[in-house]
Amino acid sequence: MADVTYYVALPFRASDDGVVAGEPAECQSASGAIRRAEALARLAENAGAVAFSRTGDPLIGEFQDAVLIKAFGEVPSEFAGF
């Protein structure tokens, strides 16, 4: 099977240890993931959110590293600066 690219919006919530990931939302496109992440970051229960993509072959479970598209609000340090 050919590689497939998934687009995801992932919210983060404040915790005693900083921020923790919430429930990811799969999106149809990069722009859709950006819009969804921005909306998730604006919710009172979320500290921030990121939009990212991941490409690979779901049949064999091999995926490339995630590519960060955009970050909003308070997110873990590895997502800072996007």
PDB file of N, CA and C in Angstrom:
ATOM      1  N   MET A   1       0.847  -1.182   0.000  1.00  0.00           N
ATOM      2  CA  MET A   1       0.000   0.000   0.000  1.00  0.00           C
ATOM      3  C   MET A   1       0.890   1.242   0.000  1.00  0.00           C
ATOM      4  N   ALA A   2       0.424   2.267  -0.637  1.00  0.00           N
ATOM      5  CA  ALA A   2       1.158   3.532  -0.679  1.00  0.00           C
ATOM      6  C   ALA A   2       1.094   4.236   0.670  1.00  0.00           C
ATOM      7  N   ASP A   3       2.046   5.124   0.876  1.00  0.00           N
ATOM      8  CA  ASP A   3       2.055   5.896   2.117  1.00  0.00           C
ATOM      9  C   ASP A   3       0.828   6.787   2.194  1.00  0.00           C
ATOM     10  N   VAL A   4       0.356   6.985   3.411  1.00  0.00           N
ATOM     11  CA  VAL A   4      -0.797   7.828   3.700  1.00  0.00           C
ATOM     12  C   VAL A   4      -0.340   8.906   4.681  1.00  0.00           C
ATOM     13  N   THR A   5      -0.828  10.123   4.506  1.00  0.00           N
ATOM     14  CA  THR A   5      -0.523  11.195   5.449  1.00  0.00           C
ATOM     15  C   THR A   5      -1.756  11.491   6.278  1.00  0.00           C
ATOM     16  N   TYR A   6      -1.585  11.474   7.592  1.00  0.00           N
ATOM     17  CA  TYR A   6      -2.645  11.807   8.530  1.00  0.00           C
ATOM     18  C   TYR A   6      -2.362  13.186   9.103  1.00  0.00           C
ATOM     19  N   TYR A   7      -3.406  13.972   9.270  1.00  0.00           N
ATOM     20  CA  TYR A   7      -3.302  15.301   9.871  1.00  0.00           C
ATOM     21  C   TYR A   7      -4.050  15.266  11.190  1.00  0.00           C
ATOM     22  N   VAL A   8      -3.422  15.799  12.223  1.00  0.00           N
ATOM     23  CA  VAL A   8      -3.962  15.672  13.574  1.00  0.00           C
ATOM     24  C   VAL A   8      -3.874  16.990  14.323  1.00  0.00           C
ATOM     25  N   ALA A   9      -4.911  17.269  15.115  1.00  0.00           N
ATOM     26  CA  ALA A   9      -4.889  18.369  16.081  1.00  0.00           C
ATOM     27  C   ALA A   9      -4.851  17.730  17.464  1.00  0.00           C
ATOM     28  N   LEU A  10      -3.907  18.147  18.279  1.00  0.00           N
ATOM     29  CA  LEU A  10      -3.706  17.547  19.599  1.00  0.00           C
ATOM     30  C   LEU A  10      -3.730  18.629  20.673  1.00  0.00           C
ATOM     31  N   PRO A  11      -4.737  18.588  21.563  1.00  0.00           N
ATOM     32  CA  PRO A  11      -4.784  19.580  22.639  1.00  0.00           C
ATOM     33  C   PRO A  11      -3.892  19.169  23.815  1.00  0.00           C
ATOM     34  N   PHE A  12      -3.535  20.157  24.638  1.00  0.00           N
ATOM     35  CA  PHE A  12      -2.776  19.920  25.865  1.00  0.00           C
ATOM     36  C   PHE A  12      -3.501  20.591  27.018  1.00  0.00           C
ATOM     37  N   ARG A  13      -3.513  19.917  28.157  1.00  0.00           N
ATOM     38  CA  ARG A  13      -4.153  20.440  29.359  1.00  0.00           C
ATOM     39  C   ARG A  13      -3.098  20.662  30.439  1.00  0.00           C
ATOM     40  N   ALA A  14      -3.353  21.662  31.264  1.00  0.00           N
ATOM     41  CA  ALA A  14      -2.439  21.948  32.371  1.00  0.00           C
ATOM     42  C   ALA A  14      -2.537  20.835  33.408  1.00  0.00           C
ATOM     43  N   SER A  15      -1.391  20.481  33.990  1.00  0.00           N
ATOM     44  CA  SER A  15      -1.345  19.492  35.065  1.00  0.00           C
ATOM     45  C   SER A  15      -0.293  19.931  36.074  1.00  0.00           C
ATOM     46  N   ASP A  16      -0.177  19.198  37.150  1.00  0.00           N
ATOM     47  CA  ASP A  16       0.838  19.513  38.156  1.00  0.00           C
ATOM     48  C   ASP A  16       2.256  19.395  37.599  1.00  0.00           C
ATOM     49  N   ASP A  17       2.433  18.599  36.542  1.00  0.00           N
ATOM     50  CA  ASP A  17       3.744  18.371  35.934  1.00  0.00           C
ATOM     51  C   ASP A  17       3.979  19.203  34.681  1.00  0.00           C
ATOM     52  N   GLY A  18       3.153  20.206  34.436  1.00  0.00           N
ATOM     53  CA  GLY A  18       3.280  21.026  33.225  1.00  0.00           C
ATOM     54  C   GLY A  18       2.031  20.889  32.387  1.00  0.00           C
ATOM     55  N   VAL A  19       2.187  20.360  31.183  1.00  0.00           N
ATOM     56  CA  VAL A  19       1.027  20.114  30.321  1.00  0.00           C
ATOM     57  C   VAL A  19       1.043  18.662  29.858  1.00  0.00           C
ATOM     58  N   VAL A  20      -0.156  18.100  29.677  1.00  0.00           N
ATOM     59  CA  VAL A  20      -0.293  16.711  29.222  1.00  0.00           C
ATOM     60  C   VAL A  20      -1.195  16.684  28.004  1.00  0.00           C
ATOM     61  N   ALA A  21      -0.965  15.716  27.140  1.00  0.00           N
ATOM     62  CA  ALA A  21      -1.738  15.587  25.905  1.00  0.00           C
ATOM     63  C   ALA A  21      -3.169  15.168  26.200  1.00  0.00           C
ATOM     64  N   GLY A  22      -4.082  15.728  25.418  1.00  0.00           N
ATOM     65  CA  GLY A  22      -5.483  15.347  25.476  1.00  0.00           C
ATOM     66  C   GLY A  22      -5.801  14.372  24.358  1.00  0.00           C
ATOM     67  N   GLU A  23      -7.068  14.342  23.949  1.00  0.00           N
ATOM     68  CA  GLU A  23      -7.539  13.437  22.911  1.00  0.00           C
ATOM     69  C   GLU A  23      -7.226  14.000  21.523  1.00  0.00           C
ATOM     70  N   PRO A  24      -6.477  13.268  20.680  1.00  0.00           N
ATOM     71  CA  PRO A  24      -6.170  13.767  19.337  1.00  0.00           C
ATOM     72  C   PRO A  24      -7.402  13.736  18.440  1.00  0.00           C
ATOM     73  N   ALA A  25      -7.448  14.663  17.487  1.00  0.00           N
ATOM     74  CA  ALA A  25      -8.536  14.715  16.513  1.00  0.00           C
ATOM     75  C   ALA A  25      -7.944  14.633  15.117  1.00  0.00           C
ATOM     76  N   GLU A  26      -8.305  13.592  14.364  1.00  0.00           N
ATOM     77  CA  GLU A  26      -7.828  13.461  12.992  1.00  0.00           C
ATOM     78  C   GLU A  26      -8.578  14.453  12.111  1.00  0.00           C
ATOM     79  N   CYS A  27      -7.860  15.076  11.186  1.00  0.00           N
ATOM     80  CA  CYS A  27      -8.429  16.094  10.301  1.00  0.00           C
ATOM     81  C   CYS A  27      -8.173  15.710   8.848  1.00  0.00           C
ATOM     82  N   GLN A  28      -8.894  16.337   7.926  1.00  0.00           N
ATOM     83  CA  GLN A  28      -8.798  15.980   6.508  1.00  0.00           C
ATOM     84  C   GLN A  28      -7.609  16.616   5.793  1.00  0.00           C
ATOM     85  N   SER A  29      -7.079  17.718   6.350  1.00  0.00           N
ATOM     86  CA  SER A  29      -6.007  18.442   5.669  1.00  0.00           C
ATOM     87  C   SER A  29      -5.148  19.177   6.691  1.00  0.00           C
ATOM     88  N   ALA A  30      -4.034  19.716   6.221  1.00  0.00           N
ATOM     89  CA  ALA A  30      -3.166  20.507   7.091  1.00  0.00           C
ATOM     90  C   ALA A  30      -3.903  21.747   7.577  1.00  0.00           C
ATOM     91  N   SER A  31      -4.612  22.420   6.675  1.00  0.00           N
ATOM     92  CA  SER A  31      -5.330  23.636   7.079  1.00  0.00           C
ATOM     93  C   SER A  31      -6.450  23.302   8.059  1.00  0.00           C
ATOM     94  N   GLY A  32      -7.090  22.155   7.882  1.00  0.00           N
ATOM     95  CA  GLY A  32      -8.116  21.725   8.828  1.00  0.00           C
ATOM     96  C   GLY A  32      -7.531  21.438  10.200  1.00  0.00           C
ATOM     97  N   ALA A  33      -6.352  20.826  10.230  1.00  0.00           N
ATOM     98  CA  ALA A  33      -5.688  20.542  11.509  1.00  0.00           C
ATOM     99  C   ALA A  33      -5.285  21.832  12.214  1.00  0.00           C
ATOM    100  N   ILE A  34      -4.833  22.819  11.450  1.00  0.00           N
ATOM    101  CA  ILE A  34      -4.467  24.114  12.032  1.00  0.00           C
ATOM    102  C   ILE A  34      -5.696  24.781  12.635  1.00  0.00           C
ATOM    103  N   ARG A  35      -6.797  24.817  11.884  1.00  0.00           N
ATOM    104  CA  ARG A  35      -8.027  25.445  12.403  1.00  0.00           C
ATOM    105  C   ARG A  35      -8.530  24.742  13.650  1.00  0.00           C
ATOM    106  N   ARG A  36      -8.487  23.398  13.632  1.00  0.00           N
ATOM    107  CA  ARG A  36      -8.970  22.628  14.786  1.00  0.00           C
ATOM    108  C   ARG A  36      -8.070  22.846  15.996  1.00  0.00           C
ATOM    109  N   ALA A  37      -6.759  22.851  15.802  1.00  0.00           N
ATOM    110  CA  ALA A  37      -5.829  23.078  16.903  1.00  0.00           C
ATOM    111  C   ALA A  37      -6.029  24.464  17.502  1.00  0.00           C
ATOM    112  N   GLU A  38      -6.223  25.465  16.656  1.00  0.00           N
ATOM    113  CA  GLU A  38      -6.454  26.817  17.161  1.00  0.00           C
ATOM    114  C   GLU A  38      -7.736  26.874  17.981  1.00  0.00           C
ATOM    115  N   ALA A  39      -8.781  26.218  17.515  1.00  0.00           N
ATOM    116  CA  ALA A  39     -10.048  26.190  18.259  1.00  0.00           C
ATOM    117  C   ALA A  39      -9.890  25.445  19.581  1.00  0.00           C
ATOM    118  N   LEU A  40      -9.163  24.327  19.564  1.00  0.00           N
ATOM    119  CA  LEU A  40      -8.932  23.570  20.797  1.00  0.00           C
ATOM    120  C   LEU A  40      -8.141  24.381  21.814  1.00  0.00           C
ATOM    121  N   ALA A  41      -7.177  25.157  21.334  1.00  0.00           N
ATOM    122  CA  ALA A  41      -6.348  25.970  22.233  1.00  0.00           C
ATOM    123  C   ALA A  41      -7.164  27.058  22.918  1.00  0.00           C
ATOM    124  N   ARG A  42      -8.268  27.477  22.304  1.00  0.00           N
ATOM    125  CA  ARG A  42      -9.102  28.527  22.877  1.00  0.00           C
ATOM    126  C   ARG A  42     -10.081  28.027  23.937  1.00  0.00           C
ATOM    127  N   LEU A  43     -10.263  26.713  24.032  1.00  0.00           N
ATOM    128  CA  LEU A  43     -11.166  26.164  25.042  1.00  0.00           C
ATOM    129  C   LEU A  43     -10.565  26.344  26.428  1.00  0.00           C
ATOM    130  N   ALA A  44     -11.416  26.688  27.376  1.00  0.00           N
ATOM    131  CA  ALA A  44     -10.953  26.979  28.737  1.00  0.00           C
ATOM    132  C   ALA A  44     -10.218  25.801  29.377  1.00  0.00           C
ATOM    133  N   GLU A  45     -10.598  24.578  29.050  1.00  0.00           N
ATOM    134  CA  GLU A  45      -9.958  23.418  29.686  1.00  0.00           C
ATOM    135  C   GLU A  45      -8.606  23.062  29.083  1.00  0.00           C
ATOM    136  N   ASN A  46      -8.242  23.696  27.968  1.00  0.00           N
ATOM    137  CA  ASN A  46      -6.963  23.399  27.314  1.00  0.00           C
ATOM    138  C   ASN A  46      -5.971  24.543  27.493  1.00  0.00           C
ATOM    139  N   ALA A  47      -4.713  24.173  27.680  1.00  0.00           N
ATOM    140  CA  ALA A  47      -3.640  25.167  27.799  1.00  0.00           C
ATOM    141  C   ALA A  47      -3.101  25.561  26.429  1.00  0.00           C
ATOM    142  N   GLY A  48      -3.234  24.659  25.453  1.00  0.00           N
ATOM    143  CA  GLY A  48      -2.735  24.901  24.108  1.00  0.00           C
ATOM    144  C   GLY A  48      -3.036  23.714  23.225  1.00  0.00           C
ATOM    145  N   ALA A  49      -2.528  23.755  21.998  1.00  0.00           N
ATOM    146  CA  ALA A  49      -2.740  22.652  21.058  1.00  0.00           C
ATOM    147  C   ALA A  49      -1.725  22.757  19.923  1.00  0.00           C
ATOM    148  N   VAL A  50      -1.513  21.639  19.242  1.00  0.00           N
ATOM    149  CA  VAL A  50      -0.646  21.621  18.068  1.00  0.00           C
ATOM    150  C   VAL A  50      -1.359  20.939  16.907  1.00  0.00           C
ATOM    151  N   ALA A  51      -0.932  21.299  15.702  1.00  0.00           N
ATOM    152  CA  ALA A  51      -1.347  20.609  14.489  1.00  0.00           C
ATOM    153  C   ALA A  51      -0.098  19.923  13.949  1.00  0.00           C
ATOM    154  N   PHE A  52      -0.227  18.642  13.582  1.00  0.00           N
ATOM    155  CA  PHE A  52       0.919  17.937  13.023  1.00  0.00           C
ATOM    156  C   PHE A  52       0.454  16.927  11.978  1.00  0.00           C
ATOM    157  N   SER A  53       1.410  16.433  11.198  1.00  0.00           N
ATOM    158  CA  SER A  53       1.113  15.390  10.226  1.00  0.00           C
ATOM    159  C   SER A  53       2.041  14.211  10.467  1.00  0.00           C
ATOM    160  N   ARG A  54       1.605  13.075   9.976  1.00  0.00           N
ATOM    161  CA  ARG A  54       2.408  11.860  10.080  1.00  0.00           C
ATOM    162  C   ARG A  54       2.160  11.031   8.829  1.00  0.00           C
ATOM    163  N   THR A  55       3.229  10.599   8.174  1.00  0.00           N
ATOM    164  CA  THR A  55       3.123   9.858   6.925  1.00  0.00           C
ATOM    165  C   THR A  55       3.698   8.462   7.101  1.00  0.00           C
ATOM    166  N   GLY A  56       3.017   7.475   6.522  1.00  0.00           N
ATOM    167  CA  GLY A  56       3.516   6.114   6.598  1.00  0.00           C
ATOM    168  C   GLY A  56       2.550   5.123   5.998  1.00  0.00           C
ATOM    169  N   ASP A  57       2.847   3.861   6.197  1.00  0.00           N
ATOM    170  CA  ASP A  57       2.037   2.766   5.677  1.00  0.00           C
ATOM    171  C   ASP A  57       1.280   2.113   6.832  1.00  0.00           C
ATOM    172  N   PRO A  58      -0.030   2.353   6.925  1.00  0.00           N
ATOM    173  CA  PRO A  58      -0.790   1.797   8.045  1.00  0.00           C
ATOM    174  C   PRO A  58      -0.904   0.275   8.022  1.00  0.00           C
ATOM    175  N   LEU A  59      -0.748  -0.349   6.867  1.00  0.00           N
ATOM    176  CA  LEU A  59      -0.851  -1.806   6.797  1.00  0.00           C
ATOM    177  C   LEU A  59       0.297  -2.500   7.511  1.00  0.00           C
ATOM    178  N   ILE A  60       1.472  -1.899   7.456  1.00  0.00           N
ATOM    179  CA  ILE A  60       2.621  -2.522   8.126  1.00  0.00           C
ATOM    180  C   ILE A  60       3.024  -1.761   9.395  1.00  0.00           C
ATOM    181  N   GLY A  61       2.337  -0.641   9.653  1.00  0.00           N
ATOM    182  CA  GLY A  61       2.584   0.102  10.885  1.00  0.00           C
ATOM    183  C   GLY A  61       3.873   0.894  10.914  1.00  0.00           C
ATOM    184  N   GLU A  62       4.430   1.191   9.765  1.00  0.00           N
ATOM    185  CA  GLU A  62       5.660   1.978   9.715  1.00  0.00           C
ATOM    186  C   GLU A  62       5.336   3.418   9.346  1.00  0.00           C
ATOM    187  N   PHE A  63       5.747   4.343  10.204  1.00  0.00           N
ATOM    188  CA  PHE A  63       5.483   5.762   9.995  1.00  0.00           C
ATOM    189  C   PHE A  63       6.750   6.564  10.184  1.00  0.00           C
ATOM    190  N   GLN A  64       6.857   7.653   9.423  1.00  0.00           N
ATOM    191  CA  GLN A  64       7.946   8.604   9.611  1.00  0.00           C
ATOM    192  C   GLN A  64       7.663   9.405  10.873  1.00  0.00           C
ATOM    193  N   ASP A  65       8.657  10.156  11.332  1.00  0.00           N
ATOM    194  CA  ASP A  65       8.449  11.027  12.484  1.00  0.00           C
ATOM    195  C   ASP A  65       7.372  12.052  12.168  1.00  0.00           C
ATOM    196  N   ALA A  66       6.651  12.458  13.190  1.00  0.00           N
ATOM    197  CA  ALA A  66       5.622  13.485  13.031  1.00  0.00           C
ATOM    198  C   ALA A  66       6.269  14.806  12.624  1.00  0.00           C
ATOM    199  N   VAL A  67       5.535  15.578  11.817  1.00  0.00           N
ATOM    200  CA  VAL A  67       5.991  16.892  11.379  1.00  0.00           C
ATOM    201  C   VAL A  67       5.053  17.930  11.982  1.00  0.00           C
ATOM    202  N   LEU A  68       5.590  18.783  12.820  1.00  0.00           N
ATOM    203  CA  LEU A  68       4.786  19.822  13.453  1.00  0.00           C
ATOM    204  C   LEU A  68       4.433  20.885  12.426  1.00  0.00           C
ATOM    205  N   ILE A  69       3.150  21.236  12.360  1.00  0.00           N
ATOM    206  CA  ILE A  69       2.693  22.257  11.429  1.00  0.00           C
ATOM    207  C   ILE A  69       2.566  23.604  12.132  1.00  0.00           C
ATOM    208  N   LYS A  70       1.893  23.619  13.299  1.00  0.00           N
ATOM    209  CA  LYS A  70       1.715  24.875  14.033  1.00  0.00           C
ATOM    210  C   LYS A  70       1.335  24.572  15.476  1.00  0.00           C
ATOM    211  N   ALA A  71       1.778  25.445  16.387  1.00  0.00           N
ATOM    212  CA  ALA A  71       1.464  25.317  17.804  1.00  0.00           C
ATOM    213  C   ALA A  71       0.739  26.566  18.287  1.00  0.00           C
ATOM    214  N   PHE A  72      -0.163  26.376  19.243  1.00  0.00           N
ATOM    215  CA  PHE A  72      -0.945  27.467  19.836  1.00  0.00           C
ATOM    216  C   PHE A  72      -0.921  27.339  21.347  1.00  0.00           C
ATOM    217  N   GLY A  73      -0.718  28.456  22.042  1.00  0.00           N
ATOM    218  CA  GLY A  73      -0.791  28.464  23.499  1.00  0.00           C
ATOM    219  C   GLY A  73       0.358  27.742  24.160  1.00  0.00           C
ATOM    220  N   GLU A  74       0.085  27.201  25.346  1.00  0.00           N
ATOM    221  CA  GLU A  74       1.101  26.510  26.141  1.00  0.00           C
ATOM    222  C   GLU A  74       1.171  25.046  25.730  1.00  0.00           C
ATOM    223  N   VAL A  75       2.336  24.653  25.206  1.00  0.00           N
ATOM    224  CA  VAL A  75       2.569  23.280  24.760  1.00  0.00           C
ATOM    225  C   VAL A  75       3.926  22.836  25.292  1.00  0.00           C
ATOM    226  N   PRO A  76       4.214  21.525  25.295  1.00  0.00           N
ATOM    227  CA  PRO A  76       5.526  21.068  25.756  1.00  0.00           C
ATOM    228  C   PRO A  76       6.657  21.755  24.990  1.00  0.00           C
ATOM    229  N   SER A  77       7.799  21.856  25.619  1.00  0.00           N
ATOM    230  CA  SER A  77       8.925  22.619  25.060  1.00  0.00           C
ATOM    231  C   SER A  77       9.367  22.143  23.675  1.00  0.00           C
ATOM    232  N   GLU A  78       9.208  20.860  23.367  1.00  0.00           N
ATOM    233  CA  GLU A  78       9.625  20.389  22.049  1.00  0.00           C
ATOM    234  C   GLU A  78       8.769  20.947  20.911  1.00  0.00           C
ATOM    235  N   PHE A  79       7.624  21.556  21.244  1.00  0.00           N
ATOM    236  CA  PHE A  79       6.770  22.177  20.246  1.00  0.00           C
ATOM    237  C   PHE A  79       6.896  23.702  20.232  1.00  0.00           C
ATOM    238  N   ALA A  80       7.682  24.252  21.106  1.00  0.00           N
ATOM    239  CA  ALA A  80       7.817  25.712  21.206  1.00  0.00           C
ATOM    240  C   ALA A  80       8.488  26.270  19.942  1.00  0.00           C
ATOM    241  N   GLY A  81       8.092  27.454  19.569  1.00  0.00           N
ATOM    242  CA  GLY A  81       8.708  28.133  18.443  1.00  0.00           C
ATOM    243  C   GLY A  81       8.042  27.887  17.104  1.00  0.00           C
ATOM    244  N   PHE A  82       6.906  27.204  17.102  1.00  0.00           N
ATOM    245  CA  PHE A  82       6.211  26.960  15.830  1.00  0.00           C
ATOM    246  C   PHE A  82       4.944  27.757  15.743  1.00  0.00           C
TER     247      PHE A  82
END
